[in-house]
């Protein structure tokens, strides 16, 4: 008799669970799914068996499965069974909101599997809080833009009046700048908010915390929970996620950036100026508060001017590395002292004159001050040797994250004894998992690697143009634009153009303004990502251009027949990558070979994987950067779909 009625197979005791799970997986893939019209894929079954064995033994496992193997079904069978066996949900952490929707949205993979196997899977999405409305910001938006005649603003206002969930997916065509005016952000301290317990985000958290089988989170939400979990519990508060029995990272090769961002703290000149301006408008504020605020703005101005002078400019990254000088450290220390003085003055002012400043503003500024103080403390301590710091290109803020995230990952996750699975089509370099293992600080993970099922020799043609100069960047850009126009017209659109940065997307947009196309161009900053992908899929002749679509999007059929690699995805001078380069050099390795080439190879594999999603797909890959005869030729060719035809010429 089954120990837990919800487990989809019978087992006598806990010791039998692993063997019975393997037998059930065998039955599902060889008997049940084929009866529903699904083909038997040995690569899928191989992956499912290895993954199930690793989870049942509490291992850390790399499950690499090539395109078309059906890795989602492979891991869902184990995830659902293990959740019901353990009595706690399994967390599946995805790299993007679009992937969450693809997995757990209506008609997604979980719905399909649940229907096919009559499993009644209880899965709920834990999305990035930035995907939801903030009630406080909504009130400000409504008061400020009620009379604005713009159709976009009026559409947002009408939606706000009727929405129950307040989730961006309900109004996906709204541009990023407008959405940010109403969306939750980290400057809004929920713990002290007057709407605490009643807002839409809290209701969403209450909903997913009760999931029985699966919680489909994004990477950022998972690490928000992981880094704050112990502190929340110690303070008698609920962590973001409920207790879970295992973690599976979909697109597992991408976790280090969200892990770093969620562990980091930042200080922003814009936030400081806004805070000082508000204090200056307070009627009846003490002169000492006003003078401290004015002094803070002067100190902040000097610090951020010095910060900008020490930033290393790089068009290919949104995170600008720093030259940490004595002058920068000195101004950072001065800014920290000024923030501490304002914090003391505001606490005193709050006690005396709470009616003069809105409570919500005070709470926001308290959070801003605390975040900035932590960032500057970490930055100044040990002259910045224990941290990774950068300047955000978009808003000029200083970001500070711990240098050794691997130790923190081990202490908070890997050493806990929970099964942890990293799943992706690109986890290894030629079957070798050492690069990812080294990046994560793992010494003995288990691993399985299954190739894809597609006939790339007959499905893919790769074209390597020969007339694009490597060193003359401006001339190459002009020639690449002309070539892009030519190939898009030849294919009638139906293309995905992948760049290395949002700024490059802007350059392409400006260059294409003089051209007229009989198809629509979709730009990644002109709408919510999931909406853009759906539009690209539905509008067969459209072209999608962006830097954020290298991984995780699934567009089968003729909507995607052309893939343009605008630039080879070499890592930039991103501070997170620079740390790995320095570590490689310190260990006697060549950073170019041991860091840059693996990073580029993994991302290029992912990008190429967007083209062929079914056995019926056909398409062309055009790489708009010199490959033949270059030092990276071998690396690029090995990253291309195996067996694909490679052509060259003008």
Foldseek 3Di string as FASTA:
>chain_A
DAPFVLQLFRDDDLVCLLVRLLVVLVCCQPPQVVVVVDDRAPLLNQLLNVQSVLQSQLFEEERAGAFPSPVLVSVQSSQQNVLRVVQFAEEEAEADPLLLCQDPNVVHPVVVVCVSSVNPAFEAEDEDQQQFFDPVLVVVLCVVCVPPPDPLSVVVVVCVVDDDQRGCVVPWQRFPVVSNSGGDDPLQPLVPDPCNPPDNSNVSLVVRQPGRYYYYYHLLLVLLQLVCVVVQVVVVHHGSHHDHQAYEYEQQLPNPVSNQVSQKFWAFLVLLVVLLVLVVPQPPQDPVLNVLSVVLNVLSVVLLVVFVVQWDDDPLDQWTAGDQDPVNLVSLVVNLVSLVSNLVSLVVCCVVPVVRDPPSSSSSVNSNSVRSNVNSVCCNPPVNPQWFWTAGNPRRMIMIGGPCVLVVCCVRPVVPSGYYYYYYNFQDDVPHNVLSCVLNVHDDGHYDHGHHDAPQLPFEEEEEEDPQDAPPVVVLVVVVLVVVVVVLVVLLALAEEADSDLVVLVVSVVVCPVDDGPEAEAEPSSTRNSVSLVVLLVRQNYYYYDHPPLADRERDDNSHAEYEHAAQNFDDVRSSQVSVLVVCVVVVHHSCVSRRLSVSLRSLLSNLSRQHNDRPHHHYYYYSHHQPPDPCNVSNVSSHDPNHHYYYYD
